[in-house]
Amino acid sequence: MRLTILAAGALLLPLAACNKGPSTEESARQTGEIRLDNASMEEVAKQATAAEAKAPVQKAGQWEETMQMIGLEAGGATEAQVAPLKAQVGKPPQKRTGCRTAADSKPFDVSKFPAMSQTCRFTKYYSVGGKVEAVMNCDVPGGKSSVSIAGTQNANAYDLTMKQSQTMTGQPKESSVTLRVTGKRLGECKI
């Protein structure tokens, strides 16, 4: 079973919900808020870069981050194929600590992922007041994939739940994996 997170780089983008209508690069630059429906990867990346001036994604410094698998749907895979992944569901989060530079904290650069920019669209991408909500759909070799992200994010912390679903051609059911990722800034980098 192929379960991959296609938008790992996009996870650190600012995202969330509000009913004010679509944002523009200029409004994102002025408010730090992004509200887009049916948007290309390029549109989202441009607005995320514009919003960075008002609402930085994450500050540079020492960060503690966790990742935990909280759900798994096997789709058409056999029990033997999914057993190693199922064993991870509900285990304590994996934790790591490290230094993030200002360059590490920049918004997602879609130009580094040309295949994604051609085959993926955001049906929803909102980042308003620290709230996060996004859905990205992609055509992948052999089927379709969807990534949804919801939670909170600011310059010093994030708490996001991400679900990646995939339906491969000939697969009787959708397969999915759900992860919770958190991070908090601990202070300045330690030398």
N, C-alpha and C. Protein backbone atom coordinates (compact mmCIF):
# COMPACT_ATOMS: atom_id res chain seq x y z
N MET A 1 0.85 -1.18 0.00
CA MET A 1 0.00 0.00 0.00
C MET A 1 0.89 1.24 0.00
N ARG A 2 0.61 2.15 -0.88
CA ARG A 2 1.40 3.38 -0.97
C ARG A 2 0.67 4.50 -0.27
N LEU A 3 1.10 4.82 0.95
CA LEU A 3 0.56 5.98 1.66
C LEU A 3 1.68 6.99 1.78
N THR A 4 1.54 8.07 1.10
CA THR A 4 2.57 9.09 1.16
C THR A 4 1.92 10.43 1.44
N ILE A 5 2.62 11.26 2.12
CA ILE A 5 2.13 12.61 2.35
C ILE A 5 2.72 13.47 1.24
N LEU A 6 1.88 13.79 0.26
CA LEU A 6 2.34 14.52 -0.91
C LEU A 6 2.68 15.96 -0.60
N ALA A 7 2.12 16.48 0.44
CA ALA A 7 2.28 17.92 0.68
C ALA A 7 3.02 18.20 1.96
N ALA A 8 4.04 17.41 2.25
CA ALA A 8 4.77 17.62 3.50
C ALA A 8 5.30 19.04 3.60
N GLY A 9 5.86 19.57 2.50
CA GLY A 9 6.34 20.95 2.53
C GLY A 9 5.23 21.93 2.78
N ALA A 10 4.00 21.62 2.35
CA ALA A 10 2.89 22.55 2.51
C ALA A 10 2.36 22.57 3.92
N LEU A 11 2.74 21.63 4.76
CA LEU A 11 2.19 21.56 6.10
C LEU A 11 2.51 22.78 6.94
N LEU A 12 3.58 23.41 6.64
CA LEU A 12 3.96 24.55 7.46
C LEU A 12 3.46 25.86 6.89
N LEU A 13 2.63 25.76 5.88
CA LEU A 13 2.01 26.97 5.34
C LEU A 13 0.96 27.48 6.30
N PRO A 14 0.72 28.77 6.34
CA PRO A 14 -0.40 29.24 7.14
C PRO A 14 -1.70 28.89 6.42
N LEU A 15 -2.72 28.44 7.17
CA LEU A 15 -3.99 28.04 6.59
C LEU A 15 -5.14 28.48 7.55
N ALA A 16 -6.62 28.55 7.29
CA ALA A 16 -7.77 28.65 8.22
C ALA A 16 -9.04 29.24 7.64
N ALA A 17 -10.13 29.40 8.43
CA ALA A 17 -11.42 29.71 7.82
C ALA A 17 -12.03 31.05 8.20
N CYS A 18 -12.76 31.66 7.24
CA CYS A 18 -13.47 32.92 7.43
C CYS A 18 -14.37 33.12 6.21
N ASN A 19 -15.47 33.86 6.34
CA ASN A 19 -16.40 34.03 5.23
C ASN A 19 -16.37 35.44 4.65
N LYS A 20 -15.23 36.03 4.43
CA LYS A 20 -15.12 37.38 3.91
C LYS A 20 -14.92 37.42 2.41
N GLY A 21 -14.91 36.34 1.71
CA GLY A 21 -14.62 36.34 0.29
C GLY A 21 -13.14 36.07 0.07
N PRO A 22 -12.77 35.89 -1.20
CA PRO A 22 -11.38 35.53 -1.49
C PRO A 22 -10.40 36.67 -1.20
N SER A 23 -9.22 36.27 -0.78
CA SER A 23 -8.14 37.24 -0.54
C SER A 23 -7.39 37.46 -1.84
N THR A 24 -6.56 38.50 -1.84
CA THR A 24 -5.68 38.80 -2.96
C THR A 24 -4.27 38.88 -2.39
N GLU A 25 -3.27 38.95 -3.25
CA GLU A 25 -1.90 39.11 -2.76
C GLU A 25 -1.80 40.37 -1.91
N GLU A 26 -2.43 41.46 -2.37
CA GLU A 26 -2.36 42.72 -1.63
C GLU A 26 -3.06 42.61 -0.27
N SER A 27 -4.25 42.01 -0.22
CA SER A 27 -4.93 41.88 1.08
C SER A 27 -4.16 40.94 2.01
N ALA A 28 -3.55 39.90 1.45
CA ALA A 28 -2.74 38.99 2.27
C ALA A 28 -1.54 39.74 2.85
N ARG A 29 -0.93 40.61 2.05
CA ARG A 29 0.21 41.40 2.51
C ARG A 29 -0.21 42.36 3.63
N GLN A 30 -1.41 42.95 3.53
CA GLN A 30 -1.88 43.93 4.50
C GLN A 30 -2.40 43.30 5.79
N THR A 31 -3.03 42.12 5.68
CA THR A 31 -3.69 41.53 6.85
C THR A 31 -3.01 40.27 7.38
N GLY A 32 -2.23 39.59 6.53
CA GLY A 32 -1.65 38.31 6.92
C GLY A 32 -2.65 37.17 6.80
N GLU A 33 -3.84 37.44 6.25
CA GLU A 33 -4.89 36.44 6.12
C GLU A 33 -5.01 35.96 4.69
N ILE A 34 -5.31 34.67 4.54
CA ILE A 34 -5.50 34.07 3.22
C ILE A 34 -6.84 33.35 3.22
N ARG A 35 -7.65 33.64 2.20
CA ARG A 35 -8.96 33.00 2.03
C ARG A 35 -9.11 32.67 0.55
N LEU A 36 -8.88 31.42 0.18
CA LEU A 36 -8.96 31.01 -1.22
C LEU A 36 -9.77 29.73 -1.36
N ASP A 37 -10.57 29.67 -2.43
CA ASP A 37 -11.28 28.46 -2.83
C ASP A 37 -10.88 28.16 -4.26
N ASN A 38 -10.75 26.87 -4.59
CA ASN A 38 -10.37 26.42 -5.93
C ASN A 38 -9.15 27.18 -6.45
N ALA A 39 -8.07 27.10 -5.70
CA ALA A 39 -6.85 27.85 -6.03
C ALA A 39 -5.73 26.91 -6.46
N SER A 40 -4.89 27.41 -7.35
CA SER A 40 -3.73 26.65 -7.79
C SER A 40 -2.65 26.70 -6.71
N MET A 41 -1.70 25.80 -6.82
CA MET A 41 -0.56 25.80 -5.90
C MET A 41 0.17 27.14 -5.99
N GLU A 42 0.30 27.66 -7.20
CA GLU A 42 1.01 28.92 -7.39
C GLU A 42 0.30 30.09 -6.70
N GLU A 43 -1.04 30.14 -6.80
CA GLU A 43 -1.81 31.20 -6.14
C GLU A 43 -1.60 31.15 -4.63
N VAL A 44 -1.69 29.95 -4.08
CA VAL A 44 -1.52 29.78 -2.63
C VAL A 44 -0.10 30.20 -2.21
N ALA A 45 0.90 29.77 -2.96
CA ALA A 45 2.29 30.10 -2.62
C ALA A 45 2.52 31.61 -2.67
N LYS A 46 1.98 32.30 -3.67
CA LYS A 46 2.15 33.75 -3.77
C LYS A 46 1.51 34.46 -2.59
N GLN A 47 0.30 34.04 -2.22
CA GLN A 47 -0.36 34.71 -1.09
C GLN A 47 0.31 34.37 0.24
N ALA A 48 0.82 33.15 0.38
CA ALA A 48 1.55 32.78 1.61
C ALA A 48 2.80 33.64 1.76
N THR A 49 3.49 33.87 0.65
CA THR A 49 4.68 34.73 0.69
C THR A 49 4.29 36.16 1.04
N ALA A 50 3.20 36.66 0.45
CA ALA A 50 2.73 38.01 0.75
C ALA A 50 2.30 38.14 2.21
N ALA A 51 1.61 37.14 2.74
CA ALA A 51 1.12 37.18 4.12
C ALA A 51 2.24 37.10 5.14
N GLU A 52 3.38 36.57 4.75
CA GLU A 52 4.53 36.39 5.65
C GLU A 52 4.95 37.69 6.33
N ALA A 53 4.84 38.82 5.62
CA ALA A 53 5.25 40.11 6.19
C ALA A 53 4.41 40.48 7.41
N LYS A 54 3.13 40.13 7.40
CA LYS A 54 2.22 40.50 8.50
C LYS A 54 2.05 39.37 9.51
N ALA A 55 2.11 38.13 9.05
CA ALA A 55 1.87 36.97 9.92
C ALA A 55 2.90 35.90 9.63
N PRO A 56 4.11 36.02 10.20
CA PRO A 56 5.16 35.03 9.90
C PRO A 56 4.70 33.61 10.22
N VAL A 57 5.09 32.69 9.36
CA VAL A 57 4.72 31.29 9.57
C VAL A 57 5.30 30.80 10.89
N GLN A 58 6.61 30.88 11.04
CA GLN A 58 7.26 30.46 12.28
C GLN A 58 8.52 31.27 12.49
N LYS A 59 8.78 31.62 13.74
CA LYS A 59 10.00 32.36 14.06
C LYS A 59 11.19 31.41 14.09
N ALA A 60 12.33 31.96 13.74
CA ALA A 60 13.56 31.18 13.84
C ALA A 60 13.85 30.91 15.31
N GLY A 61 14.56 29.84 15.60
CA GLY A 61 14.93 29.51 16.97
C GLY A 61 14.93 28.02 17.22
N GLN A 62 15.01 27.64 18.48
CA GLN A 62 14.99 26.25 18.91
C GLN A 62 13.53 25.79 18.96
N TRP A 63 13.21 24.71 18.28
CA TRP A 63 11.84 24.19 18.21
C TRP A 63 11.79 22.76 18.70
N GLU A 64 10.69 22.43 19.37
CA GLU A 64 10.36 21.05 19.72
C GLU A 64 9.14 20.67 18.89
N GLU A 65 9.25 19.56 18.14
CA GLU A 65 8.18 19.14 17.25
C GLU A 65 7.81 17.69 17.52
N THR A 66 6.53 17.38 17.37
CA THR A 66 6.07 16.00 17.55
C THR A 66 5.24 15.58 16.34
N MET A 67 5.19 14.28 16.12
CA MET A 67 4.33 13.70 15.09
C MET A 67 3.77 12.39 15.63
N GLN A 68 2.46 12.22 15.46
CA GLN A 68 1.79 11.02 15.95
C GLN A 68 0.78 10.55 14.91
N MET A 69 0.80 9.25 14.60
CA MET A 69 -0.21 8.68 13.72
C MET A 69 -1.45 8.39 14.57
N ILE A 70 -2.58 8.99 14.19
CA ILE A 70 -3.79 8.82 15.00
C ILE A 70 -4.89 8.04 14.28
N GLY A 71 -4.68 7.75 12.98
CA GLY A 71 -5.69 6.98 12.27
C GLY A 71 -5.13 6.35 11.02
N LEU A 72 -5.71 5.21 10.64
CA LEU A 72 -5.28 4.50 9.43
C LEU A 72 -6.46 3.71 8.89
N GLU A 73 -6.75 3.91 7.61
CA GLU A 73 -7.73 3.11 6.89
C GLU A 73 -6.97 2.38 5.80
N ALA A 74 -7.05 1.06 5.81
CA ALA A 74 -6.20 0.24 4.94
C ALA A 74 -6.66 0.17 3.50
N GLY A 75 -7.88 0.57 3.20
CA GLY A 75 -8.36 0.45 1.82
C GLY A 75 -8.35 -1.00 1.40
N GLY A 76 -7.79 -1.29 0.25
CA GLY A 76 -7.76 -2.66 -0.27
C GLY A 76 -6.52 -3.43 0.10
N ALA A 77 -5.66 -2.87 0.96
CA ALA A 77 -4.42 -3.56 1.32
C ALA A 77 -4.70 -4.75 2.23
N THR A 78 -3.80 -5.72 2.19
CA THR A 78 -3.94 -6.89 3.05
C THR A 78 -3.49 -6.55 4.47
N GLU A 79 -3.88 -7.36 5.39
CA GLU A 79 -3.48 -7.17 6.79
C GLU A 79 -1.97 -7.20 6.94
N ALA A 80 -1.31 -8.09 6.21
CA ALA A 80 0.16 -8.17 6.27
C ALA A 80 0.81 -6.87 5.78
N GLN A 81 0.21 -6.25 4.76
CA GLN A 81 0.77 -5.01 4.23
C GLN A 81 0.64 -3.84 5.21
N VAL A 82 -0.45 -3.80 5.96
CA VAL A 82 -0.69 -2.64 6.83
C VAL A 82 -0.30 -2.87 8.29
N ALA A 83 0.03 -4.09 8.65
CA ALA A 83 0.36 -4.39 10.06
C ALA A 83 1.43 -3.46 10.63
N PRO A 84 2.55 -3.19 9.92
CA PRO A 84 3.56 -2.29 10.50
C PRO A 84 3.02 -0.88 10.75
N LEU A 85 2.17 -0.39 9.85
CA LEU A 85 1.59 0.93 10.04
C LEU A 85 0.54 0.93 11.16
N LYS A 86 -0.30 -0.09 11.21
CA LYS A 86 -1.31 -0.17 12.25
C LYS A 86 -0.68 -0.18 13.64
N ALA A 87 0.49 -0.78 13.76
CA ALA A 87 1.18 -0.83 15.05
C ALA A 87 1.59 0.56 15.53
N GLN A 88 1.67 1.53 14.60
CA GLN A 88 2.06 2.89 14.98
C GLN A 88 0.89 3.74 15.47
N VAL A 89 -0.34 3.36 15.11
CA VAL A 89 -1.52 4.15 15.49
C VAL A 89 -1.66 4.19 17.01
N GLY A 90 -1.76 5.39 17.54
CA GLY A 90 -1.97 5.57 18.97
C GLY A 90 -0.72 5.52 19.82
N LYS A 91 0.43 5.21 19.23
CA LYS A 91 1.68 5.23 20.01
C LYS A 91 1.99 6.66 20.42
N PRO A 92 2.79 6.84 21.46
CA PRO A 92 3.16 8.21 21.85
C PRO A 92 3.82 8.95 20.68
N PRO A 93 3.65 10.27 20.63
CA PRO A 93 4.24 11.03 19.53
C PRO A 93 5.75 10.90 19.47
N GLN A 94 6.28 10.91 18.24
CA GLN A 94 7.72 10.98 18.05
C GLN A 94 8.11 12.44 18.24
N LYS A 95 9.16 12.68 19.00
CA LYS A 95 9.55 14.04 19.33
C LYS A 95 10.96 14.32 18.82
N ARG A 96 11.16 15.54 18.33
CA ARG A 96 12.51 15.95 17.97
C ARG A 96 12.65 17.44 18.29
N THR A 97 13.87 17.83 18.58
CA THR A 97 14.18 19.21 18.89
C THR A 97 15.32 19.64 17.99
N GLY A 98 15.24 20.87 17.48
CA GLY A 98 16.29 21.34 16.60
C GLY A 98 16.19 22.83 16.38
N CYS A 99 17.21 23.35 15.75
CA CYS A 99 17.31 24.78 15.46
C CYS A 99 16.74 25.06 14.08
N ARG A 100 15.88 26.06 14.00
CA ARG A 100 15.33 26.52 12.72
C ARG A 100 15.87 27.90 12.41
N THR A 101 16.40 28.05 11.21
CA THR A 101 16.88 29.36 10.77
C THR A 101 15.71 30.11 10.12
N ALA A 102 15.91 31.38 9.84
CA ALA A 102 14.89 32.16 9.14
C ALA A 102 14.57 31.54 7.79
N ALA A 103 15.58 31.02 7.09
CA ALA A 103 15.36 30.38 5.78
C ALA A 103 14.50 29.12 5.91
N ASP A 104 14.63 28.39 7.02
CA ASP A 104 13.84 27.18 7.24
C ASP A 104 12.36 27.49 7.44
N SER A 105 12.06 28.71 7.84
CA SER A 105 10.70 29.09 8.21
C SER A 105 9.95 29.83 7.11
N LYS A 106 10.54 29.93 5.93
CA LYS A 106 9.88 30.63 4.83
C LYS A 106 8.70 29.82 4.31
N PRO A 107 7.71 30.50 3.69
CA PRO A 107 6.56 29.78 3.12
C PRO A 107 6.98 28.79 2.04
N PHE A 108 6.14 27.85 1.80
CA PHE A 108 6.30 26.79 0.80
C PHE A 108 6.58 27.39 -0.57
N ASP A 109 7.62 26.94 -1.23
CA ASP A 109 7.99 27.40 -2.56
C ASP A 109 7.54 26.37 -3.58
N VAL A 110 6.43 26.67 -4.24
CA VAL A 110 5.84 25.72 -5.18
C VAL A 110 6.76 25.42 -6.35
N SER A 111 7.68 26.32 -6.68
CA SER A 111 8.58 26.09 -7.81
C SER A 111 9.51 24.89 -7.58
N LYS A 112 9.67 24.49 -6.31
CA LYS A 112 10.51 23.33 -6.00
C LYS A 112 9.79 22.01 -6.24
N PHE A 113 8.49 22.08 -6.49
CA PHE A 113 7.68 20.88 -6.69
C PHE A 113 6.84 21.03 -7.96
N PRO A 114 7.48 21.05 -9.14
CA PRO A 114 6.74 21.32 -10.37
C PRO A 114 5.65 20.29 -10.67
N ALA A 115 5.86 19.04 -10.34
CA ALA A 115 4.83 18.03 -10.61
C ALA A 115 3.59 18.30 -9.79
N MET A 116 3.76 18.68 -8.53
CA MET A 116 2.61 19.00 -7.68
C MET A 116 1.87 20.22 -8.20
N SER A 117 2.60 21.22 -8.66
CA SER A 117 1.94 22.44 -9.11
C SER A 117 1.10 22.18 -10.36
N GLN A 118 1.42 21.14 -11.12
CA GLN A 118 0.66 20.83 -12.32
C GLN A 118 -0.51 19.88 -12.05
N THR A 119 -0.43 19.08 -11.00
CA THR A 119 -1.47 18.07 -10.77
C THR A 119 -2.31 18.30 -9.53
N CYS A 120 -2.03 19.35 -8.75
CA CYS A 120 -2.74 19.58 -7.49
C CYS A 120 -3.43 20.94 -7.47
N ARG A 121 -4.58 21.01 -6.80
CA ARG A 121 -5.31 22.26 -6.57
C ARG A 121 -5.85 22.24 -5.16
N PHE A 122 -5.91 23.41 -4.57
CA PHE A 122 -6.53 23.57 -3.27
C PHE A 122 -8.01 23.88 -3.49
N THR A 123 -8.89 22.99 -3.02
CA THR A 123 -10.31 23.32 -3.06
C THR A 123 -10.63 24.35 -1.99
N LYS A 124 -9.78 24.37 -0.95
CA LYS A 124 -9.95 25.33 0.15
C LYS A 124 -8.59 25.61 0.74
N TYR A 125 -8.31 26.90 1.04
CA TYR A 125 -7.07 27.27 1.71
C TYR A 125 -7.35 28.55 2.49
N TYR A 126 -7.54 28.41 3.79
CA TYR A 126 -7.86 29.56 4.64
C TYR A 126 -6.85 29.65 5.77
N SER A 127 -6.38 30.86 6.01
CA SER A 127 -5.50 31.16 7.14
C SER A 127 -5.95 32.49 7.71
N VAL A 128 -6.73 32.42 8.78
CA VAL A 128 -7.31 33.63 9.36
C VAL A 128 -7.23 33.54 10.87
N GLY A 129 -6.57 34.52 11.48
CA GLY A 129 -6.53 34.60 12.94
C GLY A 129 -5.92 33.40 13.62
N GLY A 130 -4.97 32.75 12.99
CA GLY A 130 -4.32 31.60 13.60
C GLY A 130 -5.05 30.29 13.39
N LYS A 131 -6.23 30.32 12.81
CA LYS A 131 -6.99 29.10 12.52
C LYS A 131 -6.57 28.58 11.16
N VAL A 132 -6.60 27.27 11.02
CA VAL A 132 -6.07 26.61 9.83
C VAL A 132 -7.09 25.67 9.22
N GLU A 133 -7.30 25.79 7.90
CA GLU A 133 -8.16 24.83 7.20
C GLU A 133 -7.77 24.81 5.73
N ALA A 134 -7.43 23.64 5.22
CA ALA A 134 -7.05 23.51 3.81
C ALA A 134 -7.38 22.11 3.30
N VAL A 135 -7.72 22.04 2.02
CA VAL A 135 -7.93 20.76 1.35
C VAL A 135 -7.27 20.86 -0.02
N MET A 136 -6.37 19.91 -0.31
CA MET A 136 -5.67 19.88 -1.59
C MET A 136 -5.94 18.53 -2.25
N ASN A 137 -6.34 18.57 -3.52
CA ASN A 137 -6.59 17.35 -4.29
C ASN A 137 -5.57 17.25 -5.41
N CYS A 138 -5.07 16.04 -5.64
CA CYS A 138 -4.05 15.81 -6.65
C CYS A 138 -4.39 14.59 -7.50
N ASP A 139 -4.01 14.65 -8.76
CA ASP A 139 -4.01 13.47 -9.62
C ASP A 139 -2.61 12.89 -9.54
N VAL A 140 -2.51 11.66 -9.07
CA VAL A 140 -1.22 11.01 -8.91
C VAL A 140 -1.17 9.80 -9.84
N PRO A 141 0.03 9.31 -10.15
CA PRO A 141 0.09 8.12 -11.01
C PRO A 141 -0.76 6.99 -10.42
N GLY A 142 -1.72 6.55 -11.17
CA GLY A 142 -2.54 5.43 -10.74
C GLY A 142 -3.76 5.78 -9.93
N GLY A 143 -4.06 7.07 -9.72
CA GLY A 143 -5.26 7.39 -8.95
C GLY A 143 -5.36 8.84 -8.52
N LYS A 144 -6.07 9.04 -7.42
CA LYS A 144 -6.31 10.38 -6.89
C LYS A 144 -5.88 10.41 -5.42
N SER A 145 -5.45 11.60 -5.00
CA SER A 145 -5.01 11.79 -3.62
C SER A 145 -5.58 13.10 -3.09
N SER A 146 -5.86 13.13 -1.80
CA SER A 146 -6.38 14.33 -1.16
C SER A 146 -5.67 14.51 0.18
N VAL A 147 -5.32 15.75 0.49
CA VAL A 147 -4.70 16.07 1.77
C VAL A 147 -5.54 17.16 2.42
N SER A 148 -5.97 16.92 3.66
CA SER A 148 -6.68 17.96 4.40
C SER A 148 -5.89 18.30 5.65
N ILE A 149 -5.91 19.58 6.01
CA ILE A 149 -5.16 20.07 7.17
C ILE A 149 -6.10 20.98 7.96
N ALA A 150 -6.12 20.81 9.28
CA ALA A 150 -6.93 21.69 10.14
C ALA A 150 -6.22 21.85 11.47
N GLY A 151 -6.36 23.02 12.08
CA GLY A 151 -5.77 23.26 13.39
C GLY A 151 -5.44 24.72 13.60
N THR A 152 -4.37 24.96 14.34
CA THR A 152 -3.95 26.32 14.66
C THR A 152 -2.46 26.47 14.39
N GLN A 153 -2.07 27.72 14.11
CA GLN A 153 -0.66 27.99 13.83
C GLN A 153 -0.39 29.47 14.07
N ASN A 154 0.75 29.75 14.70
CA ASN A 154 1.23 31.12 14.82
C ASN A 154 2.75 31.08 14.76
N ALA A 155 3.39 32.21 15.01
CA ALA A 155 4.84 32.29 14.85
C ALA A 155 5.61 31.45 15.87
N ASN A 156 4.97 31.07 16.99
CA ASN A 156 5.66 30.35 18.06
C ASN A 156 5.16 28.94 18.33
N ALA A 157 4.09 28.52 17.64
CA ALA A 157 3.53 27.18 17.90
C ALA A 157 2.59 26.78 16.78
N TYR A 158 2.38 25.47 16.65
CA TYR A 158 1.36 24.95 15.75
C TYR A 158 0.83 23.64 16.28
N ASP A 159 -0.41 23.33 15.93
CA ASP A 159 -1.06 22.07 16.27
C ASP A 159 -1.98 21.74 15.10
N LEU A 160 -1.56 20.82 14.25
CA LEU A 160 -2.27 20.52 13.02
C LEU A 160 -2.62 19.04 12.93
N THR A 161 -3.81 18.76 12.45
CA THR A 161 -4.21 17.39 12.13
C THR A 161 -4.28 17.31 10.62
N MET A 162 -3.60 16.31 10.07
CA MET A 162 -3.53 16.15 8.62
C MET A 162 -3.99 14.75 8.24
N LYS A 163 -4.82 14.71 7.21
CA LYS A 163 -5.28 13.41 6.71
C LYS A 163 -4.96 13.34 5.23
N GLN A 164 -4.27 12.27 4.83
CA GLN A 164 -3.97 12.04 3.43
C GLN A 164 -4.74 10.81 3.00
N SER A 165 -5.58 10.97 1.99
CA SER A 165 -6.39 9.88 1.46
C SER A 165 -6.00 9.61 0.03
N GLN A 166 -6.07 8.34 -0.35
CA GLN A 166 -5.67 7.98 -1.70
C GLN A 166 -6.55 6.84 -2.20
N THR A 167 -7.00 6.96 -3.43
CA THR A 167 -7.73 5.89 -4.09
C THR A 167 -6.98 5.54 -5.35
N MET A 168 -6.42 4.37 -5.37
CA MET A 168 -5.66 3.91 -6.53
C MET A 168 -6.61 3.21 -7.50
N THR A 169 -6.31 3.29 -8.78
CA THR A 169 -7.09 2.62 -9.79
C THR A 169 -7.14 1.13 -9.46
N GLY A 170 -8.34 0.57 -9.44
CA GLY A 170 -8.53 -0.84 -9.13
C GLY A 170 -8.61 -1.15 -7.65
N GLN A 171 -8.37 -0.16 -6.79
CA GLN A 171 -8.45 -0.38 -5.35
C GLN A 171 -9.92 -0.28 -4.93
N PRO A 172 -10.45 -1.27 -4.18
CA PRO A 172 -11.86 -1.25 -3.85
C PRO A 172 -12.26 -0.14 -2.87
N LYS A 173 -11.35 0.28 -2.02
CA LYS A 173 -11.68 1.30 -1.03
C LYS A 173 -10.57 2.34 -0.95
N GLU A 174 -10.92 3.48 -0.41
CA GLU A 174 -9.94 4.54 -0.17
C GLU A 174 -9.04 4.15 1.00
N SER A 175 -7.77 4.45 0.89
CA SER A 175 -6.86 4.27 2.02
C SER A 175 -6.50 5.65 2.54
N SER A 176 -6.22 5.75 3.85
CA SER A 176 -5.88 7.05 4.42
C SER A 176 -5.01 6.88 5.65
N VAL A 177 -4.27 7.93 5.94
CA VAL A 177 -3.49 8.01 7.16
C VAL A 177 -3.75 9.39 7.76
N THR A 178 -3.94 9.45 9.08
CA THR A 178 -4.18 10.71 9.77
C THR A 178 -3.07 10.93 10.78
N LEU A 179 -2.45 12.10 10.72
CA LEU A 179 -1.35 12.45 11.60
C LEU A 179 -1.68 13.71 12.38
N ARG A 180 -1.16 13.80 13.59
CA ARG A 180 -1.21 15.04 14.35
C ARG A 180 0.23 15.51 14.51
N VAL A 181 0.49 16.74 14.10
CA VAL A 181 1.83 17.32 14.25
C VAL A 181 1.72 18.58 15.09
N THR A 182 2.65 18.73 16.02
CA THR A 182 2.68 19.91 16.88
C THR A 182 4.10 20.46 16.92
N GLY A 183 4.20 21.71 17.26
CA GLY A 183 5.50 22.32 17.42
C GLY A 183 5.40 23.52 18.34
N LYS A 184 6.47 23.76 19.08
CA LYS A 184 6.52 24.96 19.90
C LYS A 184 7.95 25.48 19.92
N ARG A 185 8.05 26.79 19.87
CA ARG A 185 9.37 27.44 19.90
C ARG A 185 9.82 27.51 21.35
N LEU A 186 11.03 27.03 21.60
CA LEU A 186 11.57 26.98 22.96
C LEU A 186 12.42 28.20 23.31
N GLY A 187 12.84 28.95 22.30
CA GLY A 187 13.71 30.10 22.51
C GLY A 187 14.73 30.20 21.40
N GLU A 188 15.82 30.88 21.69
CA GLU A 188 16.88 31.05 20.69
C GLU A 188 17.62 29.73 20.48
N CYS A 189 18.24 29.60 19.33
CA CYS A 189 19.00 28.39 19.02
C CYS A 189 20.18 28.24 19.98
N LYS A 190 20.44 27.00 20.33
CA LYS A 190 21.59 26.69 21.19
C LYS A 190 22.76 26.37 20.29
N ILE A 191 23.88 26.96 20.61
CA ILE A 191 25.08 26.78 19.78
C ILE A 191 25.78 25.48 20.09
